Protein backbone atom coordinates (compact mmCIF):
# COMPACT_ATOMS: atom_id res chain seq x y z
CA UNK A 1 -1.61 15.39 -61.75
CA UNK A 2 0.26 14.42 -58.57
CA UNK A 3 -2.01 11.23 -58.01
CA UNK A 4 -0.75 10.42 -61.51
CA UNK A 5 3.09 11.10 -60.70
CA UNK A 6 2.38 8.75 -57.48
CA UNK A 7 0.87 5.95 -59.62
CA UNK A 8 4.11 5.65 -61.82
CA UNK A 9 6.33 5.98 -58.85
CA UNK A 10 4.29 2.93 -57.18
CA UNK A 11 4.85 1.03 -60.47
CA UNK A 12 8.85 1.89 -60.67
CA UNK A 13 8.90 0.49 -57.04
CA UNK A 14 7.06 -2.51 -57.97
CA UNK A 15 9.24 -2.97 -61.06
CA UNK A 16 12.73 -2.23 -59.32
CA UNK A 17 11.71 -4.37 -56.07
CA UNK A 18 10.81 -7.81 -58.42
CA UNK A 19 13.93 -7.10 -60.48
CA UNK A 20 16.09 -7.23 -57.46
CA UNK A 21 14.66 -10.25 -56.21
CA UNK A 22 14.82 -11.85 -59.48
CA UNK A 23 18.02 -11.00 -60.02
CA UNK A 24 19.22 -12.08 -56.59
CA UNK A 25 17.64 -15.63 -57.36
CA UNK A 26 19.51 -15.20 -60.66
CA UNK A 27 22.90 -14.82 -58.64
CA UNK A 28 22.24 -17.83 -56.01
CA UNK A 29 21.95 -20.02 -59.29
CA UNK A 30 24.95 -18.54 -61.17
CA UNK A 31 26.92 -16.91 -58.59
CA UNK A 32 27.67 -14.09 -61.70
CA UNK A 33 28.82 -10.48 -60.40
CA UNK A 34 26.59 -8.85 -63.03
CA UNK A 35 23.46 -10.81 -61.44
CA UNK A 36 24.40 -9.44 -57.73
CA UNK A 37 25.44 -5.65 -58.95
CA UNK A 38 22.18 -5.47 -60.92
CA UNK A 39 19.97 -6.90 -57.73
CA UNK A 40 21.62 -4.79 -55.19
CA UNK A 41 21.21 -1.85 -57.93
CA UNK A 42 17.39 -2.20 -58.32
CA UNK A 43 17.31 -2.58 -54.67
CA UNK A 44 18.82 0.51 -53.72
CA UNK A 45 16.61 2.30 -56.67
CA UNK A 46 13.41 0.54 -55.32
CA UNK A 47 14.56 2.42 -51.69
CA UNK A 48 15.18 5.33 -53.42
CA UNK A 49 11.63 5.67 -55.03
CA UNK A 50 10.09 4.56 -51.86
CA UNK A 51 12.03 7.68 -50.02
CA UNK A 52 11.11 9.97 -52.92
CA UNK A 53 7.39 8.92 -52.73
CA UNK A 54 7.39 9.43 -48.61
CA UNK A 55 8.65 13.03 -49.04
CA UNK A 56 6.81 14.02 -52.45
CA UNK A 57 4.88 16.91 -51.22
CA UNK A 58 8.22 18.01 -49.37
CA UNK A 59 10.19 17.84 -52.34
CA UNK A 60 7.16 19.63 -54.39
CA UNK A 61 7.13 22.54 -52.09
CA UNK A 62 3.48 21.69 -50.70
């Protein structure tokens, strides 16, 4: 079950990283605050998921 959880986390990392890059591109074209905010937020989420994946065994107590 942990392996499936890892797959889901990696999927979330890829999605968040892609959305952050896409949002940054939209921000550079339009300059809207929403694009910048969503880009930064999804970059933070991606980093958070990477940290979570890195320390998953510690979080689970194994």
